[in-house]
């Protein structure tokens, strides 16, 4: 029973899939005009937060699982070469959305 508390595989997998989604969409958005990039970025972040909230509601994540999700998301994007400052802000926003 207590060991299930530490089972964070689903959260880590979701964190990685969230990072993959962001990476794919941000590359598509970068092809847009300069005026639309900021707007599309805001919509993309809103989509990420919505996905995170929905996953949390469905899975009932505990604090450990939420931390593992955020860590998986952050380091997957970092390894993909995204700006660490932006990644830190998005990770913080996702962690707040998981409350």
PDB file of N, CA and C in Angstrom:
ATOM      1  N   UNK A   1       0.823  -1.181   0.000  1.00  0.00           N
ATOM      2  CA  UNK A   1       0.000   0.000   0.000  1.00  0.00           C
ATOM      3  C   UNK A   1       0.870   1.249   0.000  1.00  0.00           C
ATOM      4  N   UNK A   2       1.809   1.318   0.900  1.00  0.00           N
ATOM      5  CA  UNK A   2       2.663   2.503   0.991  1.00  0.00           C
ATOM      6  C   UNK A   2       3.583   2.614  -0.224  1.00  0.00           C
ATOM      7  N   UNK A   3       3.956   1.475  -0.799  1.00  0.00           N
ATOM      8  CA  UNK A   3       4.835   1.514  -1.960  1.00  0.00           C
ATOM      9  C   UNK A   3       4.151   2.120  -3.177  1.00  0.00           C
ATOM     10  N   UNK A   4       2.832   2.014  -3.246  1.00  0.00           N
ATOM     11  CA  UNK A   4       2.110   2.618  -4.376  1.00  0.00           C
ATOM     12  C   UNK A   4       2.242   4.138  -4.362  1.00  0.00           C
ATOM     13  N   UNK A   5       2.497   4.713  -3.193  1.00  0.00           N
ATOM     14  CA  UNK A   5       2.679   6.147  -3.079  1.00  0.00           C
ATOM     15  C   UNK A   5       3.873   6.596  -3.896  1.00  0.00           C
ATOM     16  N   UNK A   6       4.882   5.737  -4.008  1.00  0.00           N
ATOM     17  CA  UNK A   6       6.101   6.056  -4.741  1.00  0.00           C
ATOM     18  C   UNK A   6       6.052   5.645  -6.210  1.00  0.00           C
ATOM     19  N   UNK A   7       4.958   5.076  -6.646  1.00  0.00           N
ATOM     20  CA  UNK A   7       4.830   4.673  -8.048  1.00  0.00           C
ATOM     21  C   UNK A   7       4.500   5.904  -8.889  1.00  0.00           C
ATOM     22  N   UNK A   8       5.506   6.418  -9.571  1.00  0.00           N
ATOM     23  CA  UNK A   8       5.337   7.657 -10.345  1.00  0.00           C
ATOM     24  C   UNK A   8       5.544   7.440 -11.839  1.00  0.00           C
ATOM     25  N   UNK A   9       5.500   6.187 -12.290  1.00  0.00           N
ATOM     26  CA  UNK A   9       5.749   5.914 -13.698  1.00  0.00           C
ATOM     27  C   UNK A   9       4.770   6.649 -14.608  1.00  0.00           C
ATOM     28  N   UNK A  10       3.500   6.621 -14.277  1.00  0.00           N
ATOM     29  CA  UNK A  10       2.494   7.298 -15.110  1.00  0.00           C
ATOM     30  C   UNK A  10       2.747   8.801 -15.138  1.00  0.00           C
ATOM     31  N   UNK A  11       3.132   9.365 -14.007  1.00  0.00           N
ATOM     32  CA  UNK A  11       3.402  10.804 -13.941  1.00  0.00           C
ATOM     33  C   UNK A  11       4.636  11.170 -14.765  1.00  0.00           C
ATOM     34  N   UNK A  12       5.677  10.351 -14.678  1.00  0.00           N
ATOM     35  CA  UNK A  12       6.897  10.605 -15.454  1.00  0.00           C
ATOM     36  C   UNK A  12       6.600  10.476 -16.945  1.00  0.00           C
ATOM     37  N   UNK A  13       5.862   9.436 -17.316  1.00  0.00           N
ATOM     38  CA  UNK A  13       5.503   9.255 -18.730  1.00  0.00           C
ATOM     39  C   UNK A  13       4.688  10.441 -19.239  1.00  0.00           C
ATOM     40  N   UNK A  14       3.758  10.921 -18.412  1.00  0.00           N
ATOM     41  CA  UNK A  14       2.955  12.075 -18.814  1.00  0.00           C
ATOM     42  C   UNK A  14       3.830  13.321 -18.931  1.00  0.00           C
ATOM     43  N   UNK A  15       4.764  13.515 -18.019  1.00  0.00           N
ATOM     44  CA  UNK A  15       5.690  14.653 -18.096  1.00  0.00           C
ATOM     45  C   UNK A  15       6.484  14.642 -19.384  1.00  0.00           C
ATOM     46  N   UNK A  16       6.946  13.449 -19.773  1.00  0.00           N
ATOM     47  CA  UNK A  16       7.686  13.329 -21.034  1.00  0.00           C
ATOM     48  C   UNK A  16       6.786  13.607 -22.230  1.00  0.00           C
ATOM     49  N   UNK A  17       5.558  13.089 -22.190  1.00  0.00           N
ATOM     50  CA  UNK A  17       4.651  13.319 -23.323  1.00  0.00           C
ATOM     51  C   UNK A  17       4.246  14.792 -23.410  1.00  0.00           C
ATOM     52  N   UNK A  18       4.120  15.452 -22.277  1.00  0.00           N
ATOM     53  CA  UNK A  18       3.815  16.880 -22.258  1.00  0.00           C
ATOM     54  C   UNK A  18       4.967  17.675 -22.882  1.00  0.00           C
ATOM     55  N   UNK A  19       6.190  17.292 -22.559  1.00  0.00           N
ATOM     56  CA  UNK A  19       7.361  17.949 -23.137  1.00  0.00           C
ATOM     57  C   UNK A  19       7.435  17.705 -24.646  1.00  0.00           C
ATOM     58  N   UNK A  20       7.143  16.486 -25.071  1.00  0.00           N
ATOM     59  CA  UNK A  20       7.136  16.182 -26.508  1.00  0.00           C
ATOM     60  C   UNK A  20       6.076  17.012 -27.231  1.00  0.00           C
ATOM     61  N   UNK A  21       4.894  17.127 -26.623  1.00  0.00           N
ATOM     62  CA  UNK A  21       3.820  17.931 -27.196  1.00  0.00           C
ATOM     63  C   UNK A  21       4.266  19.388 -27.338  1.00  0.00           C
ATOM     64  N   UNK A  22       4.862  19.934 -26.281  1.00  0.00           N
ATOM     65  CA  UNK A  22       5.318  21.323 -26.331  1.00  0.00           C
ATOM     66  C   UNK A  22       6.379  21.497 -27.416  1.00  0.00           C
ATOM     67  N   UNK A  23       7.322  20.583 -27.485  1.00  0.00           N
ATOM     68  CA  UNK A  23       8.405  20.680 -28.466  1.00  0.00           C
ATOM     69  C   UNK A  23       7.853  20.684 -29.889  1.00  0.00           C
ATOM     70  N   UNK A  24       6.958  19.762 -30.169  1.00  0.00           N
ATOM     71  CA  UNK A  24       6.370  19.657 -31.510  1.00  0.00           C
ATOM     72  C   UNK A  24       5.580  20.919 -31.870  1.00  0.00           C
ATOM     73  N   UNK A  25       4.730  21.365 -30.946  1.00  0.00           N
ATOM     74  CA  UNK A  25       3.895  22.527 -31.217  1.00  0.00           C
ATOM     75  C   UNK A  25       4.709  23.818 -31.309  1.00  0.00           C
ATOM     76  N   UNK A  26       5.722  23.956 -30.486  1.00  0.00           N
ATOM     77  CA  UNK A  26       6.529  25.179 -30.530  1.00  0.00           C
ATOM     78  C   UNK A  26       7.310  25.275 -31.839  1.00  0.00           C
ATOM     79  N   UNK A  27       7.725  24.132 -32.372  1.00  0.00           N
ATOM     80  CA  UNK A  27       8.414  24.148 -33.666  1.00  0.00           C
ATOM     81  C   UNK A  27       7.451  24.542 -34.782  1.00  0.00           C
ATOM     82  N   UNK A  28       6.213  24.085 -34.694  1.00  0.00           N
ATOM     83  CA  UNK A  28       5.201  24.487 -35.684  1.00  0.00           C
ATOM     84  C   UNK A  28       4.891  25.978 -35.552  1.00  0.00           C
ATOM     85  N   UNK A  29       4.804  26.461 -34.303  1.00  0.00           N
ATOM     86  CA  UNK A  29       4.496  27.872 -34.066  1.00  0.00           C
ATOM     87  C   UNK A  29       5.618  28.791 -34.525  1.00  0.00           C
ATOM     88  N   UNK A  30       6.846  28.325 -34.507  1.00  0.00           N
ATOM     89  CA  UNK A  30       7.973  29.178 -34.883  1.00  0.00           C
ATOM     90  C   UNK A  30       7.948  29.538 -36.365  1.00  0.00           C
ATOM     91  N   UNK A  31       7.154  28.826 -37.141  1.00  0.00           N
ATOM     92  CA  UNK A  31       7.049  29.116 -38.569  1.00  0.00           C
ATOM     93  C   UNK A  31       6.047  30.226 -38.852  1.00  0.00           C
ATOM     94  N   UNK A  32       5.325  30.657 -37.826  1.00  0.00           N
ATOM     95  CA  UNK A  32       4.323  31.712 -37.984  1.00  0.00           C
ATOM     96  C   UNK A  32       5.002  33.080 -38.037  1.00  0.00           C
ATOM     97  N   UNK A  33       4.219  34.084 -38.380  1.00  0.00           N
ATOM     98  CA  UNK A  33       4.750  35.445 -38.422  1.00  0.00           C
ATOM     99  C   UNK A  33       5.087  35.902 -37.002  1.00  0.00           C
ATOM    100  N   UNK A  34       5.939  36.898 -36.887  1.00  0.00           N
ATOM    101  CA  UNK A  34       6.394  37.375 -35.586  1.00  0.00           C
ATOM    102  C   UNK A  34       5.245  37.837 -34.689  1.00  0.00           C
ATOM    103  N   UNK A  35       4.234  38.444 -35.287  1.00  0.00           N
ATOM    104  CA  UNK A  35       3.098  38.928 -34.499  1.00  0.00           C
ATOM    105  C   UNK A  35       2.314  37.776 -33.885  1.00  0.00           C
ATOM    106  N   UNK A  36       2.228  36.690 -34.589  1.00  0.00           N
ATOM    107  CA  UNK A  36       1.412  35.570 -34.132  1.00  0.00           C
ATOM    108  C   UNK A  36       2.161  34.639 -33.192  1.00  0.00           C
ATOM    109  N   UNK A  37       3.483  34.704 -33.163  1.00  0.00           N
ATOM    110  CA  UNK A  37       4.253  33.776 -32.330  1.00  0.00           C
ATOM    111  C   UNK A  37       3.886  33.917 -30.857  1.00  0.00           C
ATOM    112  N   UNK A  38       3.820  35.133 -30.348  1.00  0.00           N
ATOM    113  CA  UNK A  38       3.496  35.350 -28.935  1.00  0.00           C
ATOM    114  C   UNK A  38       2.089  34.843 -28.616  1.00  0.00           C
ATOM    115  N   UNK A  39       1.160  35.118 -29.502  1.00  0.00           N
ATOM    116  CA  UNK A  39      -0.218  34.662 -29.301  1.00  0.00           C
ATOM    117  C   UNK A  39      -0.291  33.138 -29.292  1.00  0.00           C
ATOM    118  N   UNK A  40       0.401  32.512 -30.238  1.00  0.00           N
ATOM    119  CA  UNK A  40       0.397  31.054 -30.311  1.00  0.00           C
ATOM    120  C   UNK A  40       1.107  30.431 -29.109  1.00  0.00           C
ATOM    121  N   UNK A  41       2.153  31.097 -28.618  1.00  0.00           N
ATOM    122  CA  UNK A  41       2.864  30.605 -27.436  1.00  0.00           C
ATOM    123  C   UNK A  41       1.950  30.625 -26.216  1.00  0.00           C
ATOM    124  N   UNK A  42       1.175  31.682 -26.066  1.00  0.00           N
ATOM    125  CA  UNK A  42       0.238  31.776 -24.942  1.00  0.00           C
ATOM    126  C   UNK A  42      -0.814  30.671 -25.014  1.00  0.00           C
ATOM    127  N   UNK A  43      -1.324  30.413 -26.205  1.00  0.00           N
ATOM    128  CA  UNK A  43      -2.315  29.354 -26.379  1.00  0.00           C
ATOM    129  C   UNK A  43      -1.706  27.987 -26.081  1.00  0.00           C
ATOM    130  N   UNK A  44      -0.457  27.790 -26.484  1.00  0.00           N
ATOM    131  CA  UNK A  44       0.220  26.526 -26.244  1.00  0.00           C
ATOM    132  C   UNK A  44       0.415  26.287 -24.748  1.00  0.00           C
ATOM    133  N   UNK A  45       0.837  27.303 -24.031  1.00  0.00           N
ATOM    134  CA  UNK A  45       1.014  27.169 -22.582  1.00  0.00           C
ATOM    135  C   UNK A  45      -0.336  26.901 -21.914  1.00  0.00           C
ATOM    136  N   UNK A  46      -1.384  27.557 -22.377  1.00  0.00           N
ATOM    137  CA  UNK A  46      -2.720  27.304 -21.828  1.00  0.00           C
ATOM    138  C   UNK A  46      -3.133  25.849 -22.066  1.00  0.00           C
ATOM    139  N   UNK A  47      -2.806  25.305 -23.228  1.00  0.00           N
ATOM    140  CA  UNK A  47      -3.102  23.906 -23.520  1.00  0.00           C
ATOM    141  C   UNK A  47      -2.324  22.981 -22.587  1.00  0.00           C
ATOM    142  N   UNK A  48      -1.050  23.301 -22.343  1.00  0.00           N
ATOM    143  CA  UNK A  48      -0.237  22.490 -21.433  1.00  0.00           C
ATOM    144  C   UNK A  48      -0.840  22.467 -20.034  1.00  0.00           C
ATOM    145  N   UNK A  49      -1.240  23.630 -19.551  1.00  0.00           N
ATOM    146  CA  UNK A  49      -1.813  23.720 -18.212  1.00  0.00           C
ATOM    147  C   UNK A  49      -3.128  22.954 -18.115  1.00  0.00           C
ATOM    148  N   UNK A  50      -3.930  23.038 -19.159  1.00  0.00           N
ATOM    149  CA  UNK A  50      -5.196  22.299 -19.184  1.00  0.00           C
ATOM    150  C   UNK A  50      -4.938  20.793 -19.153  1.00  0.00           C
ATOM    151  N   UNK A  51      -3.998  20.332 -19.974  1.00  0.00           N
ATOM    152  CA  UNK A  51      -3.656  18.908 -19.984  1.00  0.00           C
ATOM    153  C   UNK A  51      -3.160  18.452 -18.618  1.00  0.00           C
ATOM    154  N   UNK A  52      -2.347  19.269 -17.972  1.00  0.00           N
ATOM    155  CA  UNK A  52      -1.819  18.920 -16.652  1.00  0.00           C
ATOM    156  C   UNK A  52      -2.946  18.831 -15.623  1.00  0.00           C
ATOM    157  N   UNK A  53      -3.873  19.783 -15.654  1.00  0.00           N
ATOM    158  CA  UNK A  53      -5.002  19.758 -14.716  1.00  0.00           C
ATOM    159  C   UNK A  53      -5.879  18.522 -14.934  1.00  0.00           C
ATOM    160  N   UNK A  54      -6.122  18.198 -16.197  1.00  0.00           N
ATOM    161  CA  UNK A  54      -6.950  17.038 -16.509  1.00  0.00           C
ATOM    162  C   UNK A  54      -6.284  15.746 -16.051  1.00  0.00           C
ATOM    163  N   UNK A  55      -4.979  15.645 -16.268  1.00  0.00           N
ATOM    164  CA  UNK A  55      -4.255  14.450 -15.838  1.00  0.00           C
ATOM    165  C   UNK A  55      -4.294  14.329 -14.318  1.00  0.00           C
ATOM    166  N   UNK A  56      -4.080  15.432 -13.635  1.00  0.00           N
ATOM    167  CA  UNK A  56      -4.104  15.424 -12.169  1.00  0.00           C
ATOM    168  C   UNK A  56      -5.476  15.021 -11.643  1.00  0.00           C
ATOM    169  N   UNK A  57      -6.532  15.513 -12.268  1.00  0.00           N
ATOM    170  CA  UNK A  57      -7.891  15.169 -11.842  1.00  0.00           C
ATOM    171  C   UNK A  57      -8.178  13.681 -12.063  1.00  0.00           C
ATOM    172  N   UNK A  58      -7.679  13.148 -13.164  1.00  0.00           N
ATOM    173  CA  UNK A  58      -7.931  11.740 -13.484  1.00  0.00           C
ATOM    174  C   UNK A  58      -7.083  10.799 -12.630  1.00  0.00           C
ATOM    175  N   UNK A  59      -5.848  11.186 -12.337  1.00  0.00           N
ATOM    176  CA  UNK A  59      -4.917  10.297 -11.644  1.00  0.00           C
ATOM    177  C   UNK A  59      -4.839  10.515 -10.137  1.00  0.00           C
ATOM    178  N   UNK A  60      -5.318  11.645  -9.644  1.00  0.00           N
ATOM    179  CA  UNK A  60      -5.220  11.972  -8.212  1.00  0.00           C
ATOM    180  C   UNK A  60      -3.767  11.844  -7.729  1.00  0.00           C
ATOM    181  N   UNK A  61      -2.896  12.659  -8.303  1.00  0.00           N
ATOM    182  CA  UNK A  61      -1.467  12.595  -8.003  1.00  0.00           C
ATOM    183  C   UNK A  61      -1.160  13.053  -6.585  1.00  0.00           C
ATOM    184  N   UNK A  62      -0.199  12.384  -5.953  1.00  0.00           N
ATOM    185  CA  UNK A  62       0.281  12.834  -4.650  1.00  0.00           C
ATOM    186  C   UNK A  62       1.480  13.774  -4.873  1.00  0.00           C
ATOM    187  N   UNK A  63       2.028  14.304  -3.810  1.00  0.00           N
ATOM    188  CA  UNK A  63       3.106  15.297  -3.915  1.00  0.00           C
ATOM    189  C   UNK A  63       4.338  14.732  -4.619  1.00  0.00           C
ATOM    190  N   UNK A  64       4.685  13.502  -4.312  1.00  0.00           N
ATOM    191  CA  UNK A  64       5.857  12.864  -4.935  1.00  0.00           C
ATOM    192  C   UNK A  64       5.646  12.719  -6.445  1.00  0.00           C
ATOM    193  N   UNK A  65       4.485  12.267  -6.843  1.00  0.00           N
ATOM    194  CA  UNK A  65       4.187  12.078  -8.258  1.00  0.00           C
ATOM    195  C   UNK A  65       4.164  13.407  -9.012  1.00  0.00           C
ATOM    196  N   UNK A  66       3.643  14.440  -8.366  1.00  0.00           N
ATOM    197  CA  UNK A  66       3.641  15.769  -8.991  1.00  0.00           C
ATOM    198  C   UNK A  66       5.066  16.261  -9.203  1.00  0.00           C
ATOM    199  N   UNK A  67       5.913  16.037  -8.220  1.00  0.00           N
ATOM    200  CA  UNK A  67       7.315  16.449  -8.336  1.00  0.00           C
ATOM    201  C   UNK A  67       8.019  15.683  -9.454  1.00  0.00           C
ATOM    202  N   UNK A  68       7.758  14.406  -9.556  1.00  0.00           N
ATOM    203  CA  UNK A  68       8.368  13.597 -10.619  1.00  0.00           C
ATOM    204  C   UNK A  68       7.877  14.045 -12.000  1.00  0.00           C
ATOM    205  N   UNK A  69       6.597  14.385 -12.112  1.00  0.00           N
ATOM    206  CA  UNK A  69       6.046  14.886 -13.370  1.00  0.00           C
ATOM    207  C   UNK A  69       6.754  16.175 -13.776  1.00  0.00           C
ATOM    208  N   UNK A  70       6.843  17.114 -12.848  1.00  0.00           N
ATOM    209  CA  UNK A  70       7.503  18.383 -13.148  1.00  0.00           C
ATOM    210  C   UNK A  70       8.960  18.199 -13.520  1.00  0.00           C
ATOM    211  N   UNK A  71       9.651  17.338 -12.820  1.00  0.00           N
ATOM    212  CA  UNK A  71      11.058  17.075 -13.096  1.00  0.00           C
ATOM    213  C   UNK A  71      11.237  16.437 -14.474  1.00  0.00           C
ATOM    214  N   UNK A  72      10.379  15.479 -14.803  1.00  0.00           N
ATOM    215  CA  UNK A  72      10.458  14.819 -16.107  1.00  0.00           C
ATOM    216  C   UNK A  72      10.214  15.825 -17.236  1.00  0.00           C
ATOM    217  N   UNK A  73       9.215  16.677 -17.063  1.00  0.00           N
ATOM    218  CA  UNK A  73       8.899  17.703 -18.057  1.00  0.00           C
ATOM    219  C   UNK A  73      10.079  18.651 -18.252  1.00  0.00           C
ATOM    220  N   UNK A  74      10.596  19.157 -17.137  1.00  0.00           N
ATOM    221  CA  UNK A  74      11.677  20.142 -17.192  1.00  0.00           C
ATOM    222  C   UNK A  74      12.922  19.587 -17.882  1.00  0.00           C
ATOM    223  N   UNK A  75      13.366  18.420 -17.464  1.00  0.00           N
ATOM    224  CA  UNK A  75      14.630  17.918 -17.995  1.00  0.00           C
ATOM    225  C   UNK A  75      14.500  17.368 -19.409  1.00  0.00           C
ATOM    226  N   UNK A  76      13.319  16.905 -19.779  1.00  0.00           N
ATOM    227  CA  UNK A  76      13.122  16.475 -21.175  1.00  0.00           C
ATOM    228  C   UNK A  76      13.241  17.693 -22.104  1.00  0.00           C
ATOM    229  N   UNK A  77      12.603  18.807 -21.737  1.00  0.00           N
ATOM    230  CA  UNK A  77      12.707  20.019 -22.557  1.00  0.00           C
ATOM    231  C   UNK A  77      14.128  20.575 -22.536  1.00  0.00           C
ATOM    232  N   UNK A  78      14.775  20.511 -21.394  1.00  0.00           N
ATOM    233  CA  UNK A  78      16.163  20.987 -21.292  1.00  0.00           C
ATOM    234  C   UNK A  78      17.059  20.161 -22.214  1.00  0.00           C
ATOM    235  N   UNK A  79      16.868  18.848 -22.206  1.00  0.00           N
ATOM    236  CA  UNK A  79      17.670  17.974 -23.066  1.00  0.00           C
ATOM    237  C   UNK A  79      17.372  18.198 -24.550  1.00  0.00           C
ATOM    238  N   UNK A  80      16.179  18.687 -24.857  1.00  0.00           N
ATOM    239  CA  UNK A  80      15.815  18.987 -26.246  1.00  0.00           C
ATOM    240  C   UNK A  80      16.398  20.317 -26.711  1.00  0.00           C
ATOM    241  N   UNK A  81      16.985  21.079 -25.784  1.00  0.00           N
ATOM    242  CA  UNK A  81      17.645  22.313 -26.156  1.00  0.00           C
ATOM    243  C   UNK A  81      16.819  23.576 -25.998  1.00  0.00           C
ATOM    244  N   UNK A  82      15.708  23.497 -25.305  1.00  0.00           N
ATOM    245  CA  UNK A  82      14.888  24.690 -25.087  1.00  0.00           C
ATOM    246  C   UNK A  82      15.545  25.592 -24.047  1.00  0.00           C
ATOM    247  N   UNK A  83      15.217  26.870 -24.112  1.00  0.00           N
ATOM    248  CA  UNK A  83      15.758  27.868 -23.201  1.00  0.00           C
ATOM    249  C   UNK A  83      15.400  27.508 -21.764  1.00  0.00           C
ATOM    250  N   UNK A  84      16.418  27.400 -20.914  1.00  0.00           N
ATOM    251  CA  UNK A  84      16.201  26.941 -19.542  1.00  0.00           C
ATOM    252  C   UNK A  84      15.340  27.926 -18.751  1.00  0.00           C
ATOM    253  N   UNK A  85      15.450  29.208 -19.022  1.00  0.00           N
ATOM    254  CA  UNK A  85      14.620  30.186 -18.328  1.00  0.00           C
ATOM    255  C   UNK A  85      13.145  29.984 -18.627  1.00  0.00           C
ATOM    256  N   UNK A  86      12.824  29.797 -19.892  1.00  0.00           N
ATOM    257  CA  UNK A  86      11.445  29.549 -20.303  1.00  0.00           C
ATOM    258  C   UNK A  86      10.940  28.227 -19.734  1.00  0.00           C
ATOM    259  N   UNK A  87      11.784  27.223 -19.766  1.00  0.00           N
ATOM    260  CA  UNK A  87      11.412  25.907 -19.242  1.00  0.00           C
ATOM    261  C   UNK A  87      11.125  25.993 -17.741  1.00  0.00           C
ATOM    262  N   UNK A  88      11.942  26.738 -17.010  1.00  0.00           N
ATOM    263  CA  UNK A  88      11.721  26.905 -15.571  1.00  0.00           C
ATOM    264  C   UNK A  88      10.375  27.565 -15.291  1.00  0.00           C
ATOM    265  N   UNK A  89      10.050  28.592 -16.051  1.00  0.00           N
ATOM    266  CA  UNK A  89       8.775  29.297 -15.861  1.00  0.00           C
ATOM    267  C   UNK A  89       7.602  28.370 -16.177  1.00  0.00           C
ATOM    268  N   UNK A  90       7.691  27.624 -17.271  1.00  0.00           N
ATOM    269  CA  UNK A  90       6.603  26.719 -17.629  1.00  0.00           C
ATOM    270  C   UNK A  90       6.453  25.603 -16.603  1.00  0.00           C
ATOM    271  N   UNK A  91       7.572  25.090 -16.115  1.00  0.00           N
ATOM    272  CA  UNK A  91       7.512  24.043 -15.099  1.00  0.00           C
ATOM    273  C   UNK A  91       6.845  24.567 -13.838  1.00  0.00           C
ATOM    274  N   UNK A  92       7.198  25.775 -13.452  1.00  0.00           N
ATOM    275  CA  UNK A  92       6.579  26.385 -12.271  1.00  0.00           C
ATOM    276  C   UNK A  92       5.074  26.535 -12.482  1.00  0.00           C
ATOM    277  N   UNK A  93       4.666  26.988 -13.659  1.00  0.00           N
ATOM    278  CA  UNK A  93       3.243  27.144 -13.967  1.00  0.00           C
ATOM    279  C   UNK A  93       2.507  25.803 -13.916  1.00  0.00           C
ATOM    280  N   UNK A  94       3.153  24.768 -14.431  1.00  0.00           N
ATOM    281  CA  UNK A  94       2.534  23.433 -14.406  1.00  0.00           C
ATOM    282  C   UNK A  94       2.390  22.938 -12.967  1.00  0.00           C
ATOM    283  N   UNK A  95       3.413  23.176 -12.155  1.00  0.00           N
ATOM    284  CA  UNK A  95       3.349  22.736 -10.761  1.00  0.00           C
ATOM    285  C   UNK A  95       2.226  23.477 -10.011  1.00  0.00           C
ATOM    286  N   UNK A  96       2.044  24.735 -10.315  1.00  0.00           N
ATOM    287  CA  UNK A  96       0.949  25.486  -9.699  1.00  0.00           C
ATOM    288  C   UNK A  96      -0.400  24.943 -10.176  1.00  0.00           C
ATOM    289  N   UNK A  97      -0.482  24.583 -11.453  1.00  0.00           N
ATOM    290  CA  UNK A  97      -1.726  24.049 -11.995  1.00  0.00           C
ATOM    291  C   UNK A  97      -2.078  22.696 -11.382  1.00  0.00           C
ATOM    292  N   UNK A  98      -1.090  21.979 -10.887  1.00  0.00           N
ATOM    293  CA  UNK A  98      -1.325  20.657 -10.298  1.00  0.00           C
ATOM    294  C   UNK A  98      -1.804  20.713  -8.858  1.00  0.00           C
ATOM    295  N   UNK A  99      -1.867  21.881  -8.255  1.00  0.00           N
ATOM    296  CA  UNK A  99      -2.291  21.984  -6.850  1.00  0.00           C
ATOM    297  C   UNK A  99      -3.686  21.475  -6.639  1.00  0.00           C
TER     298      UNK A  99
END
